[in-house]
Amino acid sequence: MKPTLLIMAAGMGSRYGSLKQLDGIGPNNETILDYSIFDALKAGFDKVVFVIRKNFSDEFYKHVISKIEKYTECHCVFQELDDIPSGFSLPPDREKPWGTAHAILMAKDVVKEPFAAINADDFYGREAYIAMANFLSKINIKSNNYAMVGYEIMKTLSESGSVSRGVCEVDNNNMLLSVLERKKISAENNTIFDVVDDKKIFLRGNETVSMNFWGFTPTFFHYIEKYFVDFLNEHINEQKSELYIPTVIFELLKKKEASVEVLNCGAKWFGVTYKEDRPNVVNNVAALIKNGIYPEKLWK
């Protein structure tokens, strides 16, 4: 059974200032999404599921799906604020999506095979897709053994501002022990630090971080359903509170209900957290094309 690629593209790009998922960075207006899908298909994925918002579905179809639907099976599911369990009422002032775990949950009815989940606006590198496809192709569909592609924190920062990263603790067997979401990581004067309650917490720089490239089986949907109810019971009236994938993972690890293998494949990450990051992404893609990794025109 070949794996599915689940792409979380419902975020509104608040820091970037626009729908960055649709921003062309290749020579023929290819998006990061295009390169992600191209790499995934090369690696052996054969279905793509997009998690988006209904209010930009037409534009998304025009710019993304229309180009690739002849190459692979495509599905869209919608992450909407009112898609919450019965017994809960949507707070009238809620504007922000419920988080990445909720985004994955939206795909439970169309994903019945092992799958990888990624962000729409991150370039993960082809090596990451190959490593994840190899892992998922060998796993039992009912397994609670999951995977995550790991990256070195110092190679995932932005020169334009602070970033949020899931900082990981990994044992000698490359198994994930914990994930701590740090939300204001910056680099300054050759030091890397997070800011918590106006205090700097310094990091080494070689820590493994999660860039939201995960590998799951459909068993993960059950866990999200459970923890999303717990989350709503505690945080439903907090306007900006979200349920993140690492939060669910950490709970599963603590209770020994699942395991996560960290795949260190040497892939190079880059992304567009801020508009100022865009030229670097454009230059990186141009260099990969020049070196023959990608064709000049992805979809012919």
Protein backbone atom coordinates (compact mmCIF):
# COMPACT_ATOMS: atom_id res chain seq x y z
CA MET A 1 0.00 0.00 0.00
CA LYS A 2 1.53 3.28 -1.10
CA PRO A 3 1.38 6.21 1.35
CA THR A 4 -0.66 9.38 1.09
CA LEU A 5 0.63 12.94 1.42
CA LEU A 6 -1.54 15.18 3.63
CA ILE A 7 -0.79 18.88 3.16
CA MET A 8 -1.91 21.38 5.79
CA ALA A 9 -2.69 24.56 3.84
CA ALA A 10 -5.51 26.18 5.84
CA GLY A 11 -3.35 28.71 7.68
CA MET A 12 -3.88 32.30 6.66
CA GLY A 13 -0.20 33.32 6.66
CA SER A 14 -0.66 36.04 9.27
CA ARG A 15 3.04 36.88 9.63
CA TYR A 16 3.72 36.58 5.90
CA GLY A 17 0.83 38.89 5.10
CA SER A 18 -0.86 36.92 2.33
CA LEU A 19 -1.80 33.44 1.17
CA LYS A 20 1.82 32.33 0.89
CA GLN A 21 0.70 28.83 -0.09
CA LEU A 22 -0.11 30.27 -3.52
CA ASP A 23 3.00 32.42 -3.93
CA GLY A 24 5.03 31.46 -7.01
CA ILE A 25 8.74 30.98 -6.28
CA GLY A 26 9.78 28.89 -9.31
CA PRO A 27 10.60 30.07 -12.87
CA ASN A 28 7.10 29.17 -14.10
CA ASN A 29 5.29 30.43 -11.00
CA GLU A 30 5.61 27.08 -9.21
CA THR A 31 4.78 27.22 -5.51
CA ILE A 32 6.56 25.45 -2.67
CA LEU A 33 3.55 23.12 -2.77
CA ASP A 34 4.40 22.15 -6.33
CA TYR A 35 7.93 21.15 -5.37
CA SER A 36 6.69 19.26 -2.31
CA ILE A 37 4.23 17.24 -4.39
CA PHE A 38 6.79 16.65 -7.13
CA ASP A 39 9.26 15.26 -4.56
CA ALA A 40 6.58 13.14 -2.89
CA LEU A 41 5.49 11.53 -6.16
CA LYS A 42 9.12 10.80 -7.02
CA ALA A 43 9.51 9.15 -3.61
CA GLY A 44 6.50 6.84 -4.04
CA PHE A 45 3.46 8.66 -2.63
CA ASP A 46 0.42 8.24 -4.86
CA LYS A 47 -2.38 10.32 -3.31
CA VAL A 48 -2.48 13.92 -2.10
CA VAL A 49 -5.01 15.35 0.36
CA PHE A 50 -5.14 19.11 0.90
CA VAL A 51 -6.53 20.65 4.08
CA ILE A 52 -7.69 24.15 3.15
CA ARG A 53 -10.33 26.77 3.98
CA LYS A 54 -13.48 27.02 1.89
CA ASN A 55 -13.04 30.74 1.34
CA PHE A 56 -10.04 30.26 -0.95
CA SER A 57 -10.90 26.86 -2.44
CA ASP A 58 -11.50 28.21 -5.97
CA GLU A 59 -8.20 30.06 -6.05
CA PHE A 60 -6.42 27.04 -4.59
CA TYR A 61 -7.86 24.74 -7.25
CA LYS A 62 -6.82 27.12 -10.01
CA HIS A 63 -3.24 27.59 -8.82
CA VAL A 64 -2.42 24.16 -7.38
CA ILE A 65 -4.79 21.25 -7.96
CA SER A 66 -5.51 21.92 -11.63
CA LYS A 67 -1.81 21.43 -12.40
CA ILE A 68 -1.31 18.11 -10.62
CA GLU A 69 -4.62 16.23 -10.70
CA LYS A 70 -3.63 14.46 -13.91
CA TYR A 71 -0.50 13.10 -12.21
CA THR A 72 -2.01 11.77 -8.98
CA GLU A 73 -5.24 11.27 -7.04
CA CYS A 74 -6.23 14.52 -5.27
CA HIS A 75 -8.72 15.34 -2.52
CA CYS A 76 -9.62 18.50 -0.63
CA VAL A 77 -10.98 18.64 2.89
CA PHE A 78 -11.90 21.80 4.75
CA GLN A 79 -10.74 23.04 8.13
CA GLU A 80 -13.45 25.33 9.42
CA LEU A 81 -13.91 26.90 12.83
CA ASP A 82 -17.32 25.35 13.40
CA ASP A 83 -16.12 21.80 12.72
CA ILE A 84 -16.00 20.82 16.38
CA PRO A 85 -17.54 17.89 18.29
CA SER A 86 -21.19 17.92 19.31
CA GLY A 87 -21.74 19.39 22.73
CA PHE A 88 -19.48 22.38 22.05
CA SER A 89 -20.50 25.81 20.70
CA LEU A 90 -18.17 27.97 18.64
CA PRO A 91 -17.20 31.12 20.58
CA PRO A 92 -18.47 34.17 18.63
CA ASP A 93 -15.06 35.90 18.74
CA ARG A 94 -13.03 32.92 17.49
CA GLU A 95 -11.13 33.71 14.25
CA LYS A 96 -8.02 31.54 14.37
CA PRO A 97 -8.05 27.89 13.17
CA TRP A 98 -7.90 25.24 15.89
CA GLY A 99 -4.36 24.12 15.07
CA THR A 100 -2.40 21.50 13.18
CA ALA A 101 -3.85 18.50 15.05
CA HIS A 102 -7.36 19.67 14.14
CA ALA A 103 -6.21 20.10 10.53
CA ILE A 104 -5.14 16.45 10.36
CA LEU A 105 -8.41 15.32 11.93
CA MET A 106 -10.35 16.87 9.03
CA ALA A 107 -8.93 14.18 6.72
CA LYS A 108 -10.05 11.12 8.67
CA ASP A 109 -12.80 10.23 6.17
CA VAL A 110 -10.53 10.24 3.10
CA VAL A 111 -7.24 8.88 4.48
CA LYS A 112 -7.36 5.14 5.14
CA GLU A 113 -3.67 4.32 4.60
CA PRO A 114 -0.34 5.33 6.20
CA PHE A 115 0.28 8.99 5.49
CA ALA A 116 2.74 11.83 5.85
CA ALA A 117 1.58 15.23 7.10
CA ILE A 118 3.42 18.41 6.08
CA ASN A 119 3.02 22.18 6.09
CA ALA A 120 2.14 23.82 2.79
CA ASP A 121 4.76 26.54 3.11
CA ASP A 122 7.87 24.51 4.01
CA PHE A 123 10.41 23.11 1.57
CA TYR A 124 11.57 19.84 3.12
CA GLY A 125 13.96 18.38 0.53
CA ARG A 126 13.54 15.24 -1.55
CA GLU A 127 15.58 13.13 0.87
CA ALA A 128 12.89 13.71 3.50
CA TYR A 129 10.14 12.30 1.27
CA ILE A 130 12.24 9.27 0.34
CA ALA A 131 12.99 8.50 3.99
CA MET A 132 9.34 8.92 5.01
CA ALA A 133 8.00 6.87 2.09
CA ASN A 134 10.37 4.04 3.00
CA PHE A 135 9.15 4.12 6.61
CA LEU A 136 5.45 4.27 5.76
CA SER A 137 5.61 1.57 3.08
CA LYS A 138 6.79 -0.97 5.68
CA ILE A 139 4.44 -0.13 8.54
CA ASN A 140 1.28 -1.98 9.55
CA ILE A 141 -1.84 0.10 8.97
CA LYS A 142 -2.96 -0.48 12.57
CA SER A 143 0.41 0.35 14.07
CA ASN A 144 0.98 3.04 16.70
CA ASN A 145 4.57 3.43 15.55
CA TYR A 146 4.94 6.81 13.87
CA ALA A 147 7.82 8.85 12.42
CA MET A 148 9.10 12.41 12.18
CA VAL A 149 11.74 13.97 9.94
CA GLY A 150 14.23 15.81 12.15
CA TYR A 151 16.16 18.96 11.29
CA GLU A 152 18.97 20.81 13.08
CA ILE A 153 17.58 23.94 14.67
CA MET A 154 20.32 26.31 13.53
CA LYS A 155 19.47 25.44 9.92
CA THR A 156 15.78 26.32 10.29
CA LEU A 157 15.87 29.92 11.53
CA SER A 158 14.82 33.11 9.78
CA GLU A 159 16.91 36.28 9.58
CA SER A 160 13.68 38.28 9.49
CA GLY A 161 12.25 37.47 12.92
CA SER A 162 11.52 34.85 15.54
CA VAL A 163 10.15 31.41 14.68
CA SER A 164 8.22 28.66 16.43
CA ARG A 165 9.81 25.21 16.55
CA GLY A 166 9.12 21.91 18.26
CA VAL A 167 12.41 21.21 20.06
CA CYS A 168 12.91 17.46 20.43
CA GLU A 169 14.62 15.16 22.89
CA VAL A 170 15.87 12.06 21.05
CA ASP A 171 17.48 8.92 22.47
CA ASN A 172 20.47 6.99 21.09
CA ASN A 173 18.16 4.80 19.01
CA ASN A 174 16.66 7.82 17.20
CA MET A 175 13.40 7.48 19.09
CA LEU A 176 11.57 10.62 20.11
CA LEU A 177 11.30 11.16 23.87
CA SER A 178 9.61 14.56 24.04
CA VAL A 179 8.69 17.64 22.04
CA LEU A 180 8.64 21.12 23.54
CA GLU A 181 6.99 23.85 21.47
CA ARG A 182 9.17 26.97 21.66
CA LYS A 183 7.46 29.96 20.07
CA LYS A 184 9.99 32.83 19.95
CA ILE A 185 13.30 31.39 18.78
CA SER A 186 15.83 33.88 17.39
CA ALA A 187 19.53 34.08 16.55
CA GLU A 188 21.65 37.01 17.66
CA ASN A 189 25.43 37.46 18.00
CA ASN A 190 26.11 33.79 17.25
CA THR A 191 23.67 32.63 19.93
CA ILE A 192 20.27 30.99 19.59
CA PHE A 193 17.60 31.53 22.20
CA ASP A 194 13.91 31.35 22.98
CA VAL A 195 12.06 34.06 24.89
CA VAL A 196 9.69 32.97 27.66
CA ASP A 197 8.13 35.56 29.98
CA ASP A 198 10.68 38.15 28.76
CA LYS A 199 13.59 35.88 29.68
CA LYS A 200 16.07 34.38 27.21
CA ILE A 201 16.52 30.61 27.26
CA PHE A 202 19.71 29.79 25.34
CA LEU A 203 19.95 26.77 23.03
CA ARG A 204 23.02 24.92 21.73
CA GLY A 205 22.08 25.22 18.07
CA ASN A 206 22.33 21.54 17.18
CA GLU A 207 19.06 20.46 18.77
CA THR A 208 16.73 18.37 16.62
CA VAL A 209 13.50 20.17 15.80
CA SER A 210 10.22 19.17 14.25
CA MET A 211 9.25 21.10 11.14
CA ASN A 212 5.87 19.35 11.02
CA PHE A 213 6.89 16.53 8.70
CA TRP A 214 5.21 13.56 10.38
CA GLY A 215 4.39 10.00 9.40
CA PHE A 216 1.26 8.36 10.80
CA THR A 217 -1.17 5.51 10.35
CA PRO A 218 -4.95 6.06 10.56
CA THR A 219 -4.77 5.15 14.26
CA PHE A 220 -3.64 8.72 14.89
CA PHE A 221 -7.08 10.09 14.06
CA HIS A 222 -8.53 8.31 17.11
CA TYR A 223 -6.00 9.94 19.40
CA ILE A 224 -6.61 13.41 17.98
CA GLU A 225 -10.36 13.05 18.49
CA LYS A 226 -9.80 12.23 22.15
CA TYR A 227 -7.30 15.01 22.84
CA PHE A 228 -9.26 17.60 20.88
CA VAL A 229 -12.23 17.09 23.22
CA ASP A 230 -9.88 17.50 26.21
CA PHE A 231 -8.43 20.62 24.60
CA LEU A 232 -11.83 22.21 24.02
CA ASN A 233 -12.92 21.49 27.57
CA GLU A 234 -9.96 23.51 28.84
CA HIS A 235 -9.27 26.13 26.16
CA ILE A 236 -12.33 26.71 23.99
CA ASN A 237 -12.74 30.32 25.16
CA GLU A 238 -9.08 31.23 24.60
CA GLN A 239 -9.12 33.06 21.27
CA LYS A 240 -5.62 32.09 20.11
CA SER A 241 -5.21 28.69 21.72
CA GLU A 242 -4.47 25.84 19.29
CA LEU A 243 -3.96 22.10 19.52
CA TYR A 244 -0.62 21.30 17.93
CA ILE A 245 0.53 17.93 16.61
CA PRO A 246 3.52 17.86 19.02
CA THR A 247 1.14 18.36 21.96
CA VAL A 248 -0.77 15.20 21.05
CA ILE A 249 2.46 13.33 20.35
CA PHE A 250 3.96 14.31 23.71
CA GLU A 251 0.89 13.03 25.53
CA LEU A 252 1.08 9.72 23.65
CA LEU A 253 4.77 9.35 24.46
CA LYS A 254 4.23 10.08 28.15
CA LYS A 255 1.53 7.42 28.34
CA LYS A 256 3.52 5.01 26.15
CA GLU A 257 0.59 4.71 23.77
CA ALA A 258 2.74 5.33 20.69
CA SER A 259 6.34 5.62 19.55
CA VAL A 260 7.96 8.02 17.08
CA GLU A 261 11.12 7.29 15.12
CA VAL A 262 13.16 10.36 14.17
CA LEU A 263 14.37 10.16 10.57
CA ASN A 264 17.66 12.04 10.16
CA CYS A 265 18.13 12.01 6.40
CA GLY A 266 20.25 15.12 5.82
CA ALA A 267 17.50 16.95 3.94
CA LYS A 268 17.79 20.73 3.60
CA TRP A 269 14.83 22.77 4.85
CA PHE A 270 13.86 26.30 3.89
CA GLY A 271 10.63 28.25 4.09
CA VAL A 272 8.83 31.59 4.03
CA THR A 273 7.82 32.56 7.52
CA TYR A 274 8.13 36.25 6.58
CA LYS A 275 7.96 38.05 3.24
CA GLU A 276 11.63 38.91 3.61
CA ASP A 277 12.43 35.17 3.45
CA ARG A 278 11.09 34.88 -0.09
CA PRO A 279 14.28 35.89 -2.03
CA ASN A 280 16.27 33.20 -0.24
CA VAL A 281 13.69 30.56 -1.19
CA VAL A 282 13.68 31.72 -4.82
CA ASN A 283 17.49 31.55 -4.94
CA ASN A 284 17.59 28.10 -3.36
CA VAL A 285 15.08 26.71 -5.85
CA ALA A 286 16.99 28.29 -8.75
CA ALA A 287 20.18 26.60 -7.55
CA LEU A 288 18.45 23.20 -7.36
CA ILE A 289 17.17 23.64 -10.92
CA LYS A 290 20.65 24.63 -12.10
CA ASN A 291 22.07 21.49 -10.48
CA GLY A 292 19.54 19.29 -12.27
CA ILE A 293 17.48 18.32 -9.21
CA TYR A 294 14.32 19.81 -10.76
CA PRO A 295 13.36 20.48 -14.37
CA GLU A 296 12.88 24.06 -15.47
CA LYS A 297 9.14 23.38 -15.76
CA LEU A 298 7.70 20.96 -13.20
CA TRP A 299 4.32 20.15 -14.75
CA LYS A 300 4.17 19.81 -18.52
